[in-house]
Protein backbone atom coordinates (compact mmCIF):
# COMPACT_ATOMS: atom_id res chain seq x y z
CA MET A 1 0.25 -0.14 0.16
CA PRO A 2 1.34 3.53 -0.94
CA SER A 3 2.10 6.09 1.95
CA PRO A 4 -0.03 8.44 2.96
CA SER A 5 2.05 11.06 1.28
CA ALA A 6 2.59 9.08 -2.06
CA GLY A 7 -1.39 9.17 -1.73
CA VAL A 8 -1.71 12.49 -1.41
CA ALA A 9 0.58 13.55 -4.64
CA ARG A 10 -1.29 11.49 -6.76
CA LEU A 11 -4.58 12.73 -5.63
CA LEU A 12 -2.73 16.05 -6.31
CA ARG A 13 -2.28 15.19 -9.93
CA VAL A 14 -5.80 14.07 -10.49
CA TRP A 15 -7.06 17.35 -9.15
CA LEU A 16 -4.61 19.55 -11.01
CA GLY A 17 -5.45 17.77 -14.17
CA LEU A 18 -9.13 18.27 -13.38
CA ALA A 19 -8.58 21.95 -12.63
CA GLY A 20 -6.27 22.75 -15.73
CA LEU A 21 -9.30 20.78 -18.08
CA SER A 22 -12.24 22.95 -16.69
CA ALA A 23 -10.55 26.22 -17.12
CA GLY A 24 -9.20 25.50 -20.39
CA VAL A 25 -13.03 24.81 -21.65
CA VAL A 26 -13.44 28.17 -19.91
CA TRP A 27 -11.00 29.53 -21.96
CA GLY A 28 -11.80 28.22 -24.81
CA TYR A 29 -15.85 28.90 -25.03
CA GLY A 30 -14.46 32.77 -24.41
CA HIS A 31 -11.52 32.98 -26.48
CA ARG A 32 -11.83 30.14 -29.15
CA GLY A 33 -8.52 29.39 -27.85
CA LEU A 34 -7.71 26.74 -30.82
CA VAL A 35 -4.59 27.31 -31.29
CA THR A 36 -3.21 28.62 -27.98
CA GLY A 37 -4.74 25.22 -26.51
CA ALA A 38 -2.82 23.08 -29.25
CA VAL A 39 0.53 25.34 -28.14
CA LEU A 40 -0.17 24.74 -24.58
CA CYS A 41 -0.59 21.11 -24.93
CA ALA A 42 2.66 20.33 -26.78
CA ALA A 43 4.65 22.36 -24.54
CA GLY A 44 2.96 20.08 -21.45
CA MET A 45 3.55 16.94 -23.40
CA ALA A 46 7.27 18.40 -23.72
CA LEU A 47 7.12 19.21 -19.95
CA LEU A 48 6.06 15.40 -19.31
CA GLY A 49 9.10 14.02 -20.88
CA PHE A 50 10.92 15.12 -17.21
CA ARG A 51 8.61 13.55 -15.18
CA ARG A 52 10.97 12.61 -12.50
CA ASN A 53 10.95 16.32 -11.58
CA PRO A 54 7.96 16.89 -9.45
CA SER A 55 7.72 20.31 -10.76
CA ALA A 56 7.95 19.53 -14.10
CA LEU A 57 5.46 16.80 -13.74
CA LEU A 58 2.83 18.90 -12.47
CA ALA A 59 3.62 21.65 -14.66
CA GLY A 60 3.05 19.55 -18.11
CA ILE A 61 0.07 17.87 -16.47
CA LEU A 62 -1.64 21.41 -15.90
CA LEU A 63 -0.85 22.30 -19.07
CA VAL A 64 -1.92 19.53 -21.01
CA ALA A 65 -4.77 19.51 -19.31
CA PHE A 66 -5.50 22.83 -20.03
CA GLY A 67 -4.74 22.86 -23.52
CA ALA A 68 -7.41 19.87 -24.31
CA GLY A 69 -10.05 21.66 -22.61
CA ALA A 70 -9.21 24.55 -24.45
CA VAL A 71 -9.04 22.78 -27.61
CA ASP A 72 -12.10 20.70 -26.93
CA ALA A 73 -14.41 23.86 -26.30
CA SER A 74 -13.24 25.63 -29.29
CA LEU A 75 -13.86 23.06 -31.24
CA ARG A 76 -17.24 22.94 -30.44
CA SER A 77 -17.90 26.36 -29.63
CA GLY A 78 -16.59 27.42 -32.99
CA ARG A 79 -18.28 24.96 -35.25
CA THR A 80 -20.97 26.55 -37.37
CA GLU A 81 -24.16 24.06 -37.93
CA ALA A 82 -26.44 24.75 -40.97
CA VAL A 83 -29.09 25.27 -38.94
CA ALA A 84 -27.52 28.03 -37.33
CA VAL A 85 -27.45 29.56 -40.98
CA LEU A 86 -31.28 28.92 -41.06
CA ALA A 87 -31.46 30.51 -37.81
CA SER A 88 -29.69 33.58 -39.19
CA ALA A 89 -32.44 34.19 -42.20
CA PHE A 90 -35.07 33.09 -39.73
CA ALA A 91 -36.28 30.37 -41.58
CA THR A 92 -39.58 28.91 -41.74
CA CYS A 93 -39.13 25.00 -41.70
CA ARG A 94 -40.41 21.34 -41.70
CA ILE A 95 -38.44 19.00 -39.75
CA GLU A 96 -37.90 15.76 -38.67
CA GLY A 97 -35.79 14.81 -35.66
CA ARG A 98 -35.36 13.02 -32.66
CA VAL A 99 -35.82 14.39 -28.92
CA LEU A 100 -32.26 13.88 -27.27
CA GLU A 101 -32.98 15.21 -23.72
CA ASP A 102 -35.20 17.72 -21.49
CA GLN A 103 -33.00 20.45 -20.01
CA ALA A 104 -35.64 21.60 -17.66
CA ALA A 105 -35.86 25.76 -17.66
CA LEU A 106 -34.08 25.81 -20.89
CA GLY A 107 -36.39 23.57 -23.14
CA THR A 108 -35.94 20.71 -24.98
CA LEU A 109 -33.00 19.69 -27.23
CA VAL A 110 -33.51 17.89 -30.32
CA ALA A 111 -31.69 16.63 -33.34
CA ILE A 112 -32.80 17.49 -36.73
CA GLN A 113 -32.53 14.85 -39.01
CA ARG A 114 -34.08 16.16 -42.25
CA ALA A 115 -35.23 19.89 -42.52
CA ASN A 116 -36.98 21.59 -45.95
CA CYS A 117 -36.88 25.37 -45.42
CA GLN A 118 -38.62 28.13 -47.71
CA GLY A 119 -35.85 29.40 -49.91
CA PHE A 120 -33.46 26.42 -48.79
CA ALA A 121 -32.39 22.98 -50.52
CA PRO A 122 -33.80 20.26 -47.95
CA ILE A 123 -30.84 19.64 -45.76
CA GLU A 124 -29.57 16.41 -44.08
CA ASP A 125 -28.54 16.61 -40.34
CA PRO A 126 -28.22 20.08 -40.06
CA GLY A 127 -27.79 20.47 -36.11
CA ALA A 128 -29.20 20.81 -32.97
CA VAL A 129 -32.13 22.86 -31.78
CA MET A 130 -33.99 23.73 -28.49
CA PHE A 131 -37.80 23.43 -28.12
CA ALA A 132 -38.69 26.46 -25.51
CA ASN A 133 -41.00 23.91 -23.60
CA LYS A 134 -40.94 19.93 -22.91
CA VAL A 135 -41.71 18.03 -26.24
CA ALA A 136 -41.33 14.27 -25.29
CA ASP A 137 -39.50 11.45 -23.93
CA ALA A 138 -35.83 11.21 -24.80
CA GLY A 139 -35.42 8.90 -28.07
CA SER A 140 -39.24 9.85 -29.44
CA PRO A 141 -39.36 11.06 -33.22
CA ILE A 142 -40.94 14.38 -33.43
CA TRP A 143 -41.94 16.38 -36.94
CA ALA A 144 -42.78 19.85 -36.58
CA THR A 145 -43.40 23.15 -38.42
CA GLY A 146 -41.70 26.46 -37.21
CA SER A 147 -39.47 29.10 -37.22
CA VAL A 148 -35.91 28.54 -36.92
CA ILE A 149 -34.35 31.19 -34.20
CA PRO A 150 -30.93 32.67 -33.72
CA LEU A 151 -29.52 32.23 -30.20
CA HIS A 152 -27.80 35.20 -28.76
CA ASP A 153 -24.46 35.11 -26.71
CA ASN A 154 -25.21 38.21 -24.13
CA ASP A 155 -28.97 36.29 -23.18
CA PRO A 156 -27.43 34.00 -20.21
CA PHE A 157 -30.37 31.32 -21.08
CA ASP A 158 -29.50 31.23 -25.18
CA LEU A 159 -25.76 31.04 -23.83
CA ALA A 160 -27.14 28.15 -21.31
CA ARG A 161 -28.35 26.57 -24.55
CA ARG A 162 -25.51 27.02 -26.84
CA ARG A 163 -23.23 25.70 -24.54
CA ALA A 164 -26.10 22.42 -23.76
CA GLY A 165 -25.44 21.99 -27.64
CA ALA A 166 -27.81 23.72 -29.65
CA SER A 167 -27.16 25.95 -32.24
CA ALA A 168 -30.53 27.99 -32.36
CA LEU A 169 -34.42 28.04 -31.23
CA PHE A 170 -37.04 26.71 -32.83
CA ASP A 171 -40.30 27.86 -32.60
CA ALA A 172 -43.47 25.38 -33.72
CA SER A 173 -46.51 26.37 -34.61
CA ALA A 174 -47.61 22.64 -35.02
CA GLN A 175 -45.96 19.24 -33.82
CA ARG A 176 -46.26 15.95 -33.46
CA THR A 177 -44.18 13.21 -32.08
CA GLY A 178 -44.02 9.37 -32.23
CA LYS A 179 -43.07 5.95 -30.80
CA ILE A 180 -39.75 5.61 -29.08
CA GLY A 181 -37.42 2.94 -31.06
CA SER A 182 -35.00 2.41 -28.34
CA LEU A 183 -36.19 -0.18 -25.92
CA PRO A 184 -33.83 0.98 -23.37
CA LEU A 185 -35.12 4.50 -23.60
CA ARG A 186 -38.60 3.22 -24.10
CA LEU A 187 -38.50 1.04 -20.94
CA ALA A 188 -37.07 4.35 -19.18
CA ALA A 189 -39.84 6.13 -20.30
CA SER A 190 -42.78 3.82 -19.07
CA ILE A 191 -41.06 4.10 -15.57
CA ARG A 192 -41.11 7.51 -15.25
CA HIS A 193 -44.42 8.06 -16.25
CA GLY A 194 -45.85 4.99 -14.20
CA LEU A 195 -43.92 7.15 -11.15
CA GLN A 196 -45.81 10.10 -12.38
CA ASP A 197 -48.95 8.40 -12.68
CA ALA A 198 -48.93 6.65 -9.40
CA ALA A 199 -47.42 9.87 -7.50
CA GLY A 200 -50.54 11.74 -8.78
CA SER A 201 -52.92 9.62 -6.33
CA LEU A 202 -50.94 11.51 -3.38
CA GLY A 203 -52.32 15.02 -4.03
CA PRO A 204 -50.09 17.92 -3.90
CA PRO A 205 -47.52 18.87 -2.55
CA ARG A 206 -46.95 15.30 -1.87
CA GLU A 207 -47.08 14.34 -5.24
CA GLY A 208 -44.67 17.05 -6.35
CA LEU A 209 -42.37 16.22 -3.24
CA VAL A 210 -42.54 12.41 -4.49
CA ARG A 211 -41.52 12.89 -8.12
CA GLY A 212 -38.72 15.73 -7.02
CA LEU A 213 -37.27 13.28 -4.37
CA THR A 214 -37.05 10.10 -7.01
CA ILE A 215 -36.53 11.68 -10.50
CA GLY A 216 -35.95 15.39 -9.95
CA ASP A 217 -39.40 16.40 -11.53
CA THR A 218 -40.41 19.63 -9.93
CA SER A 219 -42.98 20.28 -12.34
CA LYS A 220 -45.60 19.63 -9.92
CA ILE A 221 -44.05 21.88 -7.47
CA ASP A 222 -45.18 25.58 -6.73
CA GLN A 223 -42.61 28.63 -6.37
CA ALA A 224 -43.54 29.11 -2.70
CA THR A 225 -42.39 25.43 -2.14
CA VAL A 226 -39.44 26.06 -3.80
CA ASP A 227 -38.52 28.99 -2.03
CA ASP A 228 -39.02 27.44 1.03
CA PHE A 229 -36.40 24.47 0.31
CA ARG A 230 -34.24 26.91 -0.67
CA ARG A 231 -34.16 29.08 2.42
CA ALA A 232 -34.38 25.76 4.27
CA GLY A 233 -31.28 24.60 2.82
CA LEU A 234 -33.14 21.53 1.39
CA SER A 235 -32.88 22.36 -2.26
CA HIS A 236 -30.48 19.54 -3.19
CA LEU A 237 -33.52 16.87 -2.00
CA LEU A 238 -35.21 18.23 -5.07
CA ALA A 239 -32.44 17.56 -7.15
CA VAL A 240 -31.34 14.03 -7.93
CA SER A 241 -28.04 13.13 -7.24
CA GLY A 242 -25.41 10.88 -6.21
CA GLU A 243 -27.55 10.08 -2.63
CA ASN A 244 -30.35 8.79 -4.71
CA LEU A 245 -28.53 6.72 -6.86
CA ALA A 246 -26.62 5.15 -3.83
CA MET A 247 -30.21 4.46 -2.24
CA PHE A 248 -31.41 3.06 -5.25
CA LEU A 249 -28.38 0.71 -5.53
CA GLY A 250 -28.38 -0.34 -1.86
CA ALA A 251 -31.59 -1.74 -2.49
CA LEU A 252 -30.50 -3.61 -5.49
CA ALA A 253 -27.74 -4.96 -3.67
CA LEU A 254 -30.45 -6.49 -1.31
CA LEU A 255 -31.72 -8.66 -4.40
CA VAL A 256 -28.99 -9.69 -6.02
CA ARG A 257 -26.95 -10.24 -2.81
CA ARG A 258 -27.05 -14.02 -3.26
CA LEU A 259 -25.20 -13.98 -7.27
CA PRO A 260 -22.17 -14.33 -8.57
CA PHE A 261 -19.96 -11.36 -7.29
CA LYS A 262 -19.41 -10.60 -11.40
CA SER A 263 -22.67 -11.13 -11.92
CA ARG A 264 -23.64 -8.41 -9.26
CA LEU A 265 -21.37 -6.03 -10.58
CA THR A 266 -22.80 -6.31 -13.97
CA ALA A 267 -26.48 -5.64 -12.09
CA TYR A 268 -24.61 -2.27 -10.45
CA LEU A 269 -23.57 -1.43 -14.09
CA ALA A 270 -26.66 -1.93 -15.81
CA ALA A 271 -28.73 -0.61 -12.84
CA ILE A 272 -26.52 3.01 -12.95
CA ALA A 273 -27.46 3.22 -16.51
CA LEU A 274 -30.95 2.49 -16.26
CA PHE A 275 -30.98 5.41 -13.51
CA VAL A 276 -29.78 7.78 -15.45
CA LEU A 277 -32.39 6.90 -18.14
CA VAL A 278 -35.16 7.37 -16.21
CA VAL A 279 -34.00 10.57 -14.54
CA GLY A 280 -32.56 12.20 -17.16
CA PRO A 281 -28.83 13.50 -18.11
CA GLN A 282 -28.84 16.01 -15.43
CA PRO A 283 -25.37 17.45 -14.54
CA SER A 284 -25.39 15.93 -10.84
CA VAL A 285 -26.88 12.76 -11.82
CA LEU A 286 -24.14 12.31 -14.37
CA ARG A 287 -21.90 12.89 -11.77
CA ALA A 288 -22.91 10.32 -9.74
CA ALA A 289 -23.43 7.87 -12.24
CA VAL A 290 -19.61 7.95 -13.93
CA MET A 291 -18.56 8.06 -10.31
CA GLY A 292 -20.55 5.36 -9.12
CA GLY A 293 -19.71 3.37 -12.26
CA VAL A 294 -15.67 4.32 -12.09
CA MET A 295 -16.13 2.35 -8.61
CA VAL A 296 -17.95 -0.84 -9.87
CA VAL A 297 -15.52 -1.14 -12.32
CA ALA A 298 -11.97 -0.49 -10.04
CA VAL A 299 -13.77 -2.98 -7.39
CA GLY A 300 -13.89 -5.27 -10.22
CA LYS A 301 -10.43 -5.48 -10.78
CA GLY A 302 -9.60 -5.60 -7.73
CA HIS A 303 -8.50 -2.22 -6.81
CA ARG A 304 -9.35 -0.26 -3.93
CA ALA A 305 -11.09 2.80 -4.94
CA GLN A 306 -11.28 5.92 -2.40
CA SER A 307 -14.15 8.21 -2.89
CA LEU A 308 -11.91 11.76 -3.31
CA GLY A 309 -9.58 9.97 -6.13
CA VAL A 310 -12.77 8.82 -7.84
CA LEU A 311 -14.91 11.71 -7.71
CA ALA A 312 -12.22 13.51 -9.66
CA THR A 313 -11.49 10.81 -12.21
CA ALA A 314 -15.64 11.40 -12.60
CA LEU A 315 -15.53 15.17 -13.30
CA ILE A 316 -12.69 14.44 -15.79
CA ILE A 317 -14.63 12.58 -17.86
CA VAL A 318 -17.70 13.90 -17.43
CA VAL A 319 -16.06 17.74 -18.64
CA ALA A 320 -14.11 16.20 -21.29
CA PHE A 321 -17.11 14.45 -22.83
CA ARG A 322 -19.66 17.44 -22.23
CA PRO A 323 -17.69 20.37 -21.61
CA GLY A 324 -20.36 23.18 -21.32
CA LEU A 325 -21.21 21.43 -18.10
CA VAL A 326 -18.31 22.94 -16.37
CA PHE A 327 -20.35 26.26 -16.30
CA SER A 328 -23.28 23.99 -14.52
CA VAL A 329 -24.17 25.21 -10.99
CA GLY A 330 -25.98 21.99 -10.56
CA LEU A 331 -22.26 20.14 -11.07
CA GLN A 332 -20.48 22.72 -9.25
CA LEU A 333 -23.01 21.66 -6.36
CA SER A 334 -22.82 18.23 -6.55
CA ALA A 335 -19.00 18.13 -6.74
CA ALA A 336 -18.61 20.81 -3.99
CA ALA A 337 -21.26 19.01 -1.36
CA THR A 338 -19.72 15.36 -2.44
CA ALA A 339 -15.92 16.36 -1.75
CA GLY A 340 -16.84 18.35 1.56
CA ILE A 341 -18.57 15.13 2.81
CA VAL A 342 -15.55 12.67 1.94
CA LEU A 343 -13.55 15.17 3.71
CA TRP A 344 -14.82 16.43 6.70
CA THR A 345 -17.39 13.94 7.88
CA LYS A 346 -15.05 11.86 10.10
CA PRO A 347 -13.11 14.89 11.93
CA LEU A 348 -16.62 16.63 12.21
CA GLU A 349 -18.31 13.28 13.81
CA ARG A 350 -15.20 12.82 16.30
CA LEU A 351 -15.96 16.55 16.99
CA LEU A 352 -19.44 15.61 17.70
CA ARG A 353 -18.77 12.03 19.45
CA PRO A 354 -20.78 13.56 22.99
CA LEU A 355 -24.19 13.09 20.78
CA PRO A 356 -25.40 9.78 19.82
CA ARG A 357 -24.14 8.52 16.36
CA ALA A 358 -27.88 8.77 14.95
CA VAL A 359 -27.39 12.89 15.45
CA ALA A 360 -23.76 13.21 14.73
CA LEU A 361 -23.33 11.55 11.57
CA PRO A 362 -25.91 12.91 9.79
CA LEU A 363 -25.27 16.69 11.19
CA ALA A 364 -21.44 15.99 10.36
CA VAL A 365 -22.81 15.39 6.52
CA THR A 366 -24.79 18.19 6.47
CA VAL A 367 -22.17 20.47 8.18
CA ALA A 368 -19.72 19.31 5.60
CA ALA A 369 -21.90 19.27 2.48
CA GLN A 370 -23.17 22.81 3.47
CA ALA A 371 -19.61 24.46 4.27
CA ALA A 372 -18.17 23.09 1.07
CA VAL A 373 -21.04 24.46 -1.01
CA SER A 374 -22.06 28.01 0.82
CA PRO A 375 -19.60 29.87 -1.48
CA ILE A 376 -21.00 28.71 -4.87
CA LEU A 377 -24.66 29.73 -2.88
CA ILE A 378 -23.35 33.14 -2.15
CA ALA A 379 -22.32 33.65 -5.45
CA VAL A 380 -25.11 32.23 -7.63
CA PHE A 381 -28.15 33.35 -5.19
CA GLY A 382 -26.47 36.04 -3.21
CA GLN A 383 -28.29 34.29 0.09
CA LEU A 384 -27.20 31.50 2.79
CA SER A 385 -29.22 29.30 4.75
CA VAL A 386 -28.65 29.56 8.19
CA VAL A 387 -31.11 26.81 9.46
CA ALA A 388 -29.80 24.27 7.20
CA PRO A 389 -28.11 21.92 9.44
CA LEU A 390 -31.15 21.72 11.74
CA ALA A 391 -33.54 21.27 8.51
CA ASN A 392 -31.47 18.54 7.22
CA LEU A 393 -30.98 16.97 10.60
CA LEU A 394 -34.88 16.65 10.88
CA ALA A 395 -35.65 15.78 7.25
CA PHE A 396 -32.71 13.09 6.82
CA PRO A 397 -34.52 10.40 8.40
CA ALA A 398 -37.46 10.54 5.95
CA VAL A 399 -35.43 11.12 2.57
CA ALA A 400 -34.67 7.34 2.05
CA PRO A 401 -38.52 5.74 2.07
CA PRO A 402 -40.15 7.64 -0.71
CA THR A 403 -36.78 7.65 -2.90
CA VAL A 404 -36.55 4.12 -2.66
CA LEU A 405 -40.32 3.24 -2.54
CA GLY A 406 -40.76 5.92 -5.73
CA LEU A 407 -38.30 3.97 -7.83
CA CYS A 408 -39.64 0.55 -7.09
CA ALA A 409 -43.33 2.27 -7.68
CA GLY A 410 -41.92 3.19 -11.00
CA VAL A 411 -40.71 -0.59 -11.73
CA ILE A 412 -43.66 -2.29 -10.59
CA SER A 413 -45.94 0.19 -12.42
CA LEU A 414 -44.84 -1.70 -15.66
CA ALA A 415 -47.00 -4.76 -14.05
CA SER A 416 -49.46 -3.22 -12.15
CA ARG A 417 -50.21 0.45 -11.70
CA ALA A 418 -52.55 -0.27 -8.42
CA ALA A 419 -49.86 -1.94 -7.26
CA ALA A 420 -47.30 1.31 -7.63
CA ARG A 421 -50.17 3.43 -6.57
CA ALA A 422 -50.13 1.37 -3.40
CA ILE A 423 -46.19 1.60 -2.80
CA VAL A 424 -46.36 5.40 -3.19
CA ALA A 425 -49.13 5.73 -1.04
CA LEU A 426 -46.54 4.65 1.84
CA ALA A 427 -44.35 7.40 0.81
CA GLY A 428 -46.76 9.93 1.47
CA PRO A 429 -46.42 10.19 5.20
CA PHE A 430 -42.73 10.62 4.77
CA ALA A 431 -42.85 13.56 2.18
CA GLY A 432 -45.26 15.33 4.07
CA TRP A 433 -42.92 15.76 6.93
CA ILE A 434 -40.11 17.02 5.01
CA ALA A 435 -42.44 19.14 3.46
CA TRP A 436 -43.46 20.53 6.95
CA VAL A 437 -39.74 20.73 7.78
CA ALA A 438 -39.57 22.98 4.77
CA SER A 439 -42.17 25.38 5.55
CA SER A 440 -41.61 25.32 9.04
CA LEU A 441 -38.11 26.33 8.91
CA GLY A 442 -37.84 27.86 5.66
CA ARG A 443 -40.34 30.74 6.47
CA ALA A 444 -39.16 31.62 9.66
CA PRO A 445 -37.86 34.92 10.13
CA ALA A 446 -33.79 34.76 10.20
CA ALA A 447 -33.83 31.34 8.13
CA ALA A 448 -31.86 32.97 5.62
CA VAL A 449 -29.57 35.48 5.39
CA ASP A 450 -28.86 37.61 2.35
CA LEU A 451 -25.45 38.36 1.45
CA PRO A 452 -23.19 40.39 -1.46
CA ARG A 453 -22.00 37.89 -4.13
CA ALA A 454 -18.60 39.29 -3.35
CA ALA A 455 -18.65 37.49 0.04
CA ALA A 456 -18.05 34.30 -2.09
CA TRP A 457 -14.42 34.84 -2.20
CA ILE A 458 -14.07 35.61 1.30
CA ALA A 459 -16.59 32.19 2.10
CA ALA A 460 -14.09 30.26 -0.41
CA VAL A 461 -10.87 31.13 1.68
CA PRO A 462 -11.27 28.66 4.82
CA VAL A 463 -13.68 26.39 2.40
CA LEU A 464 -10.21 25.90 0.13
CA VAL A 465 -7.77 25.73 3.25
CA GLY A 466 -9.75 23.35 5.00
CA ALA A 467 -9.80 20.60 2.29
CA LEU A 468 -6.14 21.19 1.49
CA ALA A 469 -5.66 21.03 5.62
CA VAL A 470 -7.12 17.88 5.66
CA ALA A 471 -6.01 16.23 2.27
CA ALA A 472 -2.55 17.13 3.07
CA PHE A 473 -2.49 15.62 7.11
CA SER A 474 -5.16 12.86 6.62
CA ASN A 475 -3.65 9.58 7.72
CA TYR A 476 -6.31 7.87 5.13
CA ASN A 477 -5.01 6.87 1.79
CA LEU A 478 -6.48 9.28 -0.74
CA ALA A 479 -5.66 8.11 -4.24
CA VAL A 480 -7.78 6.14 -6.31
């Protein structure tokens, strides 16, 4: 087993690579740094030739990662799709395409396979567009008539749509969708609709909360409830993350515990893939899924996987394949919360030893996560919840039941909708308790404090110092 210092050094290299890749992506999207990225990448490769020199090795890793990120982002942002040309002419088109994914407030991303536009010859595969609202489930074929509208770089929503992969907006005057052709996507849609149907029997607000806790679907939650959850520091419960995936895999582990080792690992990987298809490729879900997949593969190969190193590896994979997610607040919060939990839960739990472990552990997890995400929350929302530790402590025991029961109901709905409703009914009281905690604490006069966004830099200093201190002086092996 490598020494702690060797583990920290290896961990530093992985996180340095992630930092360089992320910074390169930001540079590439903002400056079209294709040439600069290629030069820096080449310089980094040259420095890696002196890998016995620690400083040269670190500098080489940083430059290669930065250059690769800049090149990747530049190629994506600098590519001009044919649909962008159609948008510049505000063309009226009949399109045939396929729904790629629901992007929540941004709309629905659709890949156009064929476009017939007034004043233009028919075009095959002209690019991807964003419909302003939810159209259909991923994988659904779509036929629509409407106008292609350009995206504007000075509009934050349009900028986010461009980073998500769209080259234009599509304003549909008429549309229809067909049956999903892919069996896995059709299965995922059936599970999702079965859960939504079963949860409908609960009525508001429990229906919306069960859907939000299980698959991150907040369409049935009113704005007042969303505000209560944010002020109470419970917003993370309405965004599917690694916690949901861990609960899902934990329930699966009970079912497959008697299977051979390799069969169990295969079941876990298949379950992770199905989970992503059901809830959608949200940034926090992708982070959790890739992290879970890396851990399963490492264990299958006989390696000891450590969470902090796996987190960095997972983020590198996610950013490499979807560089636009560097700008996603969801991914930033998910990564920061996970890192905080990994780094500080054990030290905080030791400080809280006078308390019963049933109280000390969830409180340590809550404080660790809240501390890690506080700079991001201040920078984005200009607000920080004061009651978050208490709210999470009270809500924690009630989170797992509706999450697991909701997912089980979705699967069982494939066979019996009545049985699915009966299972969801068991989740109702737990969802009701969480709603009561959120409304009671979120509406308290001093539940959250408003802060200037510049205060995020001040909050970031102790967070970074604390992370570096634990990583440098921990007795644990932090490498993958």
